[in-house]
Amino acid sequence: MDINIDKYKNNQKTAYLAESLLRIVKQEEELHALSSDAEMKALSEEELQTLAVEKKELIEQMESILEGEKAEEEFPNEIVLEIRAGAGGDEATLFAEELADMYVAYAKSKGWQVAEIDKLMFEIRGQDIYKILRYETGVHRIQRVPITEKMGRIHTSTASVAILPIRKKVNVEIKPSDIETDTFRSGGAGGQNVNKVETAVRIIHKPSGIEVKCTSQRSQLKNKEKAMAILAAKLEQLQEEKEAKELSADRKSQIGTGDRSEKIRTYNFPQNRVTDHRIKFSIHDIEGFMQGNLDKMLEALKNPVATDGADEDDE
């Protein structure tokens, strides 16, 4: 059996097991040489059988590790959640903040680690996080009567959500000449050390105009590393959106394209209803939903089936 030992040796997670595999292969070669001797043949064959079992188990273990890495690359356990207010003025800003609170509450209920990177931008780490939240990207719309509305009229506001997977292998090229970087002091209470030095970093990608700020880390270097990872994720998202639009014929079979301009969900307060328009699925508990009880909706997106008769009169 031909074995590509190099692929195991060159991977940090399997390198130590590859050393054991090399040792077994060397022992097998020595035993095969001894088997030409009639007296040693029986002993060597018995030892070879034992080594064959060990080798098989080692290879299976290393292949399992490599497969796990492939799955993590496709569905990484780290994301950046970014929310932006859309149309609707102050109501849109309030809605964006409420969405942020909703996702943070959900993340904490799952035991995921949450760190604020910038205003309405969060780094979240957790098992299967991207697999679970990947369909949340898009425009979220709210319909309700604002507190300041004296005539009782329903207002419509929007906010966009982006779920950006942070992958270990970057699939886009970022040229140093395309990057403009500057530093500034992180905000916070006066007197804190974080304010005395310029640890916060702002990166502008000149070709796309994308700007990323990171203030969550204690050092300028760490903030720059994080900002670059976010920039790469944003550029990958742009590339994926472009490819999805080019393959528009296939979109009918998809829940969503991951495009931030795609309207995906309406939060209708007068009707106590949250509706996902892609799967025409509604939940009639808007208060609980806004408190982070998202599992029912996320499960429906994961396994879209017959709907529960979602209303579409709020188009």
Foldseek 3Di string as FASTA:
>chain_A
DDDPLVVQCPDPVRVVLSVVLVVLVVLLVVLVVVLVDVVSVVVSVVVNVVSVVVNVVSVVVSVVVVVVLVVCQVQPQKKKKAKFWDPDPPVSVVVLVLQLLQAVLQLVVQVWDWFAFDVRIIMIGDPSVCVLCVPQFAKEKEWAQDPPHPVRHIDITIMGIAIFDQGPDQPDDQDPVQKDKDFAQDDDDPPDPSRVDGQKMWIARNVVRDIFIGSGDSHNVVNVVVRVSVVSRVVVLVVQLVVCVVVVVCCLVALDSSDHHHYFWYCYVVQCWIAGVSLRAIDNHSPVSSSHPCVVVSVCNVPPDHYPRHDDPVD
